[in-house]
């Protein structure tokens, strides 16, 4: 990853091509409806929350993620409504996984959140707890939901 040119872009309302790309990624990975992803991304911007990033490697988009006030996990687990904001929707293209891009976009999201004055972040994962633990995220709780072992994590 050292010899590659990494760049980040905060997605804005004018980034319709990015909306289409991210919507396709999320539909393929999590079966999220593209129109819902697009509506979520249209609310993002450079100021405040929510915001969403794309990570480019040598000019090619390879990963994405955002910071949001709410996360889907709060619907079935209402006690989590007290937690915000959430590092959410982190995705790396399958052919680029295992190269550190997921961690790279998370570090940039954390940096941007700090620049916006956010003091703590939450996330949930059922696939990447070791990555977040390595990035100094603290496990706050675990539970099973729909046959998945969910970890809620926090970073201050």
C-alpha atoms as a PDB file:
ATOM      1  CA  UNK A   1       0.000   0.000   0.000  1.00  0.00           C
ATOM      2  CA  UNK A   2       2.978   2.372   0.528  1.00  0.00           C
ATOM      3  CA  UNK A   3       3.783   2.805  -3.161  1.00  0.00           C
ATOM      4  CA  UNK A   4       0.165   3.411  -4.123  1.00  0.00           C
ATOM      5  CA  UNK A   5      -1.436   6.805  -4.463  1.00  0.00           C
ATOM      6  CA  UNK A   6      -4.333   6.975  -1.963  1.00  0.00           C
ATOM      7  CA  UNK A   7      -6.846   9.808  -2.068  1.00  0.00           C
ATOM      8  CA  UNK A   8     -10.181  10.441  -0.382  1.00  0.00           C
ATOM      9  CA  UNK A   9     -13.276  12.309  -1.477  1.00  0.00           C
ATOM     10  CA  UNK A  10     -16.196  13.408   0.651  1.00  0.00           C
ATOM     11  CA  UNK A  11     -19.325  12.616  -1.348  1.00  0.00           C
ATOM     12  CA  UNK A  12     -21.592  15.572  -2.046  1.00  0.00           C
ATOM     13  CA  UNK A  13     -25.018  16.036  -3.581  1.00  0.00           C
ATOM     14  CA  UNK A  14     -23.466  16.502  -7.038  1.00  0.00           C
ATOM     15  CA  UNK A  15     -21.674  13.114  -7.009  1.00  0.00           C
ATOM     16  CA  UNK A  16     -24.348  11.107  -8.797  1.00  0.00           C
ATOM     17  CA  UNK A  17     -21.822   8.719 -10.385  1.00  0.00           C
ATOM     18  CA  UNK A  18     -20.531   7.895  -6.891  1.00  0.00           C
ATOM     19  CA  UNK A  19     -24.118   7.314  -5.722  1.00  0.00           C
ATOM     20  CA  UNK A  20     -24.594   4.775  -8.507  1.00  0.00           C
ATOM     21  CA  UNK A  21     -21.306   2.989  -7.772  1.00  0.00           C
ATOM     22  CA  UNK A  22     -21.822   2.810  -3.997  1.00  0.00           C
ATOM     23  CA  UNK A  23     -25.446   1.728  -4.426  1.00  0.00           C
ATOM     24  CA  UNK A  24     -24.301  -1.170  -6.630  1.00  0.00           C
ATOM     25  CA  UNK A  25     -21.624  -2.171  -4.102  1.00  0.00           C
ATOM     26  CA  UNK A  26     -24.114  -2.161  -1.200  1.00  0.00           C
ATOM     27  CA  UNK A  27     -26.745  -4.051  -3.167  1.00  0.00           C
ATOM     28  CA  UNK A  28     -24.208  -6.741  -4.042  1.00  0.00           C
ATOM     29  CA  UNK A  29     -22.746  -7.001  -0.518  1.00  0.00           C
ATOM     30  CA  UNK A  30     -25.765  -6.506   1.755  1.00  0.00           C
ATOM     31  CA  UNK A  31     -28.759  -6.611  -0.620  1.00  0.00           C
ATOM     32  CA  UNK A  32     -29.533  -2.961   0.198  1.00  0.00           C
ATOM     33  CA  UNK A  33     -32.054  -1.360  -2.114  1.00  0.00           C
ATOM     34  CA  UNK A  34     -30.219   1.074  -4.425  1.00  0.00           C
ATOM     35  CA  UNK A  35     -32.906   3.759  -4.050  1.00  0.00           C
ATOM     36  CA  UNK A  36     -32.484   3.710  -0.249  1.00  0.00           C
ATOM     37  CA  UNK A  37     -28.701   3.949  -0.534  1.00  0.00           C
ATOM     38  CA  UNK A  38     -29.036   6.829  -2.994  1.00  0.00           C
ATOM     39  CA  UNK A  39     -31.457   8.665  -0.670  1.00  0.00           C
ATOM     40  CA  UNK A  40     -29.032   8.201   2.239  1.00  0.00           C
ATOM     41  CA  UNK A  41     -26.072   9.455   0.200  1.00  0.00           C
ATOM     42  CA  UNK A  42     -28.026  12.492  -1.077  1.00  0.00           C
ATOM     43  CA  UNK A  43     -28.263  13.705   2.540  1.00  0.00           C
ATOM     44  CA  UNK A  44     -24.474  13.659   2.900  1.00  0.00           C
ATOM     45  CA  UNK A  45     -22.118  16.551   2.372  1.00  0.00           C
ATOM     46  CA  UNK A  46     -19.015  18.377   3.517  1.00  0.00           C
ATOM     47  CA  UNK A  47     -20.639  20.108   6.486  1.00  0.00           C
ATOM     48  CA  UNK A  48     -21.522  18.259   9.680  1.00  0.00           C
ATOM     49  CA  UNK A  49     -23.322  14.922   9.640  1.00  0.00           C
ATOM     50  CA  UNK A  50     -23.839  12.710   7.844  1.00  0.00           C
ATOM     51  CA  UNK A  51     -20.819  12.438   5.599  1.00  0.00           C
ATOM     52  CA  UNK A  52     -19.557   9.678   3.369  1.00  0.00           C
ATOM     53  CA  UNK A  53     -16.129   9.045   1.806  1.00  0.00           C
ATOM     54  CA  UNK A  54     -14.740   7.216  -1.186  1.00  0.00           C
ATOM     55  CA  UNK A  55     -11.166   5.903  -1.106  1.00  0.00           C
ATOM     56  CA  UNK A  56      -9.334   5.932  -4.426  1.00  0.00           C
ATOM     57  CA  UNK A  57      -6.172   3.938  -5.125  1.00  0.00           C
ATOM     58  CA  UNK A  58      -4.267   5.224  -8.135  1.00  0.00           C
ATOM     59  CA  UNK A  59      -7.473   6.967  -9.242  1.00  0.00           C
ATOM     60  CA  UNK A  60      -9.668   3.848  -8.915  1.00  0.00           C
ATOM     61  CA  UNK A  61     -12.463   3.780  -6.287  1.00  0.00           C
ATOM     62  CA  UNK A  62     -11.918   0.743  -4.037  1.00  0.00           C
ATOM     63  CA  UNK A  63     -13.551   1.436  -0.643  1.00  0.00           C
ATOM     64  CA  UNK A  64     -16.207   3.559   1.017  1.00  0.00           C
ATOM     65  CA  UNK A  65     -17.814   4.319   4.359  1.00  0.00           C
ATOM     66  CA  UNK A  66     -19.472   7.083   6.325  1.00  0.00           C
ATOM     67  CA  UNK A  67     -20.366   8.667   9.635  1.00  0.00           C
ATOM     68  CA  UNK A  68     -24.086   8.786  10.405  1.00  0.00           C
ATOM     69  CA  UNK A  69     -26.246   9.758  13.371  1.00  0.00           C
ATOM     70  CA  UNK A  70     -28.123   6.459  13.145  1.00  0.00           C
ATOM     71  CA  UNK A  71     -27.368   2.862  12.201  1.00  0.00           C
ATOM     72  CA  UNK A  72     -29.665   0.069  11.069  1.00  0.00           C
ATOM     73  CA  UNK A  73     -28.803  -1.970  14.178  1.00  0.00           C
ATOM     74  CA  UNK A  74     -30.793   0.501  16.301  1.00  0.00           C
ATOM     75  CA  UNK A  75     -34.151  -0.646  14.883  1.00  0.00           C
ATOM     76  CA  UNK A  76     -34.095  -4.168  16.331  1.00  0.00           C
ATOM     77  CA  UNK A  77     -32.068  -3.067  19.404  1.00  0.00           C
ATOM     78  CA  UNK A  78     -33.730   0.130  20.698  1.00  0.00           C
ATOM     79  CA  UNK A  79     -31.362   0.507  23.663  1.00  0.00           C
ATOM     80  CA  UNK A  80     -28.728   1.481  21.056  1.00  0.00           C
ATOM     81  CA  UNK A  81     -30.701   4.628  20.196  1.00  0.00           C
ATOM     82  CA  UNK A  82     -28.695   6.327  22.959  1.00  0.00           C
ATOM     83  CA  UNK A  83     -25.505   5.830  20.915  1.00  0.00           C
ATOM     84  CA  UNK A  84     -24.389   8.213  18.175  1.00  0.00           C
ATOM     85  CA  UNK A  85     -22.722   8.914  15.790  1.00  0.00           C
ATOM     86  CA  UNK A  86     -21.914   5.683  13.953  1.00  0.00           C
ATOM     87  CA  UNK A  87     -19.046   4.744  11.665  1.00  0.00           C
ATOM     88  CA  UNK A  88     -21.095   2.817   9.167  1.00  0.00           C
ATOM     89  CA  UNK A  89     -21.384   1.134   5.790  1.00  0.00           C
ATOM     90  CA  UNK A  90     -17.660   0.405   5.419  1.00  0.00           C
ATOM     91  CA  UNK A  91     -17.090  -1.554   2.235  1.00  0.00           C
ATOM     92  CA  UNK A  92     -14.036  -2.618   0.235  1.00  0.00           C
ATOM     93  CA  UNK A  93     -14.288  -4.135  -3.255  1.00  0.00           C
ATOM     94  CA  UNK A  94     -13.706  -7.898  -2.997  1.00  0.00           C
ATOM     95  CA  UNK A  95     -10.677  -7.840  -5.301  1.00  0.00           C
ATOM     96  CA  UNK A  96      -9.004  -5.242  -3.039  1.00  0.00           C
ATOM     97  CA  UNK A  97      -9.694  -6.848   0.355  1.00  0.00           C
ATOM     98  CA  UNK A  98      -6.840  -7.857   2.616  1.00  0.00           C
ATOM     99  CA  UNK A  99      -4.675  -4.921   1.502  1.00  0.00           C
ATOM    100  CA  UNK A 100      -5.447  -2.497   4.342  1.00  0.00           C
ATOM    101  CA  UNK A 101      -7.953  -0.316   2.483  1.00  0.00           C
ATOM    102  CA  UNK A 102     -10.772  -0.964   4.967  1.00  0.00           C
ATOM    103  CA  UNK A 103      -8.533   0.203   7.805  1.00  0.00           C
ATOM    104  CA  UNK A 104      -7.350   3.161   5.715  1.00  0.00           C
ATOM    105  CA  UNK A 105     -10.868   4.442   5.061  1.00  0.00           C
ATOM    106  CA  UNK A 106     -11.776   3.952   8.726  1.00  0.00           C
ATOM    107  CA  UNK A 107      -8.749   5.999   9.838  1.00  0.00           C
ATOM    108  CA  UNK A 108      -9.729   8.779   7.430  1.00  0.00           C
ATOM    109  CA  UNK A 109     -13.337   8.682   8.663  1.00  0.00           C
ATOM    110  CA  UNK A 110     -12.067   8.961  12.251  1.00  0.00           C
ATOM    111  CA  UNK A 111      -9.835  11.890  11.256  1.00  0.00           C
ATOM    112  CA  UNK A 112     -12.677  13.718   9.498  1.00  0.00           C
ATOM    113  CA  UNK A 113     -15.001  13.059  12.458  1.00  0.00           C
ATOM    114  CA  UNK A 114     -12.431  14.572  14.839  1.00  0.00           C
ATOM    115  CA  UNK A 115     -12.089  17.627  12.559  1.00  0.00           C
ATOM    116  CA  UNK A 116     -15.876  18.042  12.836  1.00  0.00           C
ATOM    117  CA  UNK A 117     -15.585  18.010  16.637  1.00  0.00           C
ATOM    118  CA  UNK A 118     -16.951  14.521  17.280  1.00  0.00           C
ATOM    119  CA  UNK A 119     -15.543  13.087  20.531  1.00  0.00           C
ATOM    120  CA  UNK A 120     -16.660   9.463  20.155  1.00  0.00           C
ATOM    121  CA  UNK A 121     -17.894   7.062  17.518  1.00  0.00           C
ATOM    122  CA  UNK A 122     -19.746   3.751  17.565  1.00  0.00           C
ATOM    123  CA  UNK A 123     -19.906   0.908  15.085  1.00  0.00           C
ATOM    124  CA  UNK A 124     -21.326  -2.557  14.764  1.00  0.00           C
ATOM    125  CA  UNK A 125     -19.752  -5.452  12.957  1.00  0.00           C
ATOM    126  CA  UNK A 126     -20.236  -9.153  12.473  1.00  0.00           C
ATOM    127  CA  UNK A 127     -17.230  -9.646  10.209  1.00  0.00           C
ATOM    128  CA  UNK A 128     -14.374  -7.313  11.171  1.00  0.00           C
ATOM    129  CA  UNK A 129     -14.040  -7.154  14.970  1.00  0.00           C
ATOM    130  CA  UNK A 130     -10.297  -8.050  14.849  1.00  0.00           C
ATOM    131  CA  UNK A 131      -9.584  -5.167  12.437  1.00  0.00           C
ATOM    132  CA  UNK A 132     -11.354  -2.667  14.682  1.00  0.00           C
ATOM    133  CA  UNK A 133      -9.712  -4.069  17.810  1.00  0.00           C
ATOM    134  CA  UNK A 134      -6.319  -3.557  16.119  1.00  0.00           C
ATOM    135  CA  UNK A 135      -7.374   0.042  15.449  1.00  0.00           C
ATOM    136  CA  UNK A 136      -8.019   0.604  19.191  1.00  0.00           C
ATOM    137  CA  UNK A 137     -11.801   0.343  19.113  1.00  0.00           C
ATOM    138  CA  UNK A 138     -13.258  -0.951  22.398  1.00  0.00           C
ATOM    139  CA  UNK A 139     -15.832  -3.719  22.528  1.00  0.00           C
ATOM    140  CA  UNK A 140     -18.902  -2.506  24.439  1.00  0.00           C
ATOM    141  CA  UNK A 141     -21.321  -5.391  23.939  1.00  0.00           C
ATOM    142  CA  UNK A 142     -22.047  -8.500  21.923  1.00  0.00           C
ATOM    143  CA  UNK A 143     -25.251 -10.321  21.052  1.00  0.00           C
ATOM    144  CA  UNK A 144     -26.767 -12.647  18.477  1.00  0.00           C
ATOM    145  CA  UNK A 145     -29.234 -11.294  15.957  1.00  0.00           C
ATOM    146  CA  UNK A 146     -30.560 -13.212  12.951  1.00  0.00           C
ATOM    147  CA  UNK A 147     -27.878 -15.903  13.284  1.00  0.00           C
ATOM    148  CA  UNK A 148     -25.093 -13.315  13.386  1.00  0.00           C
ATOM    149  CA  UNK A 149     -22.707 -12.600  16.238  1.00  0.00           C
ATOM    150  CA  UNK A 150     -22.828  -8.787  16.481  1.00  0.00           C
ATOM    151  CA  UNK A 151     -20.174  -6.688  18.197  1.00  0.00           C
ATOM    152  CA  UNK A 152     -20.874  -3.090  19.233  1.00  0.00           C
ATOM    153  CA  UNK A 153     -17.680  -1.072  19.495  1.00  0.00           C
ATOM    154  CA  UNK A 154     -16.782   2.442  20.604  1.00  0.00           C
ATOM    155  CA  UNK A 155     -13.835   4.765  20.074  1.00  0.00           C
ATOM    156  CA  UNK A 156     -13.232   7.979  21.972  1.00  0.00           C
END
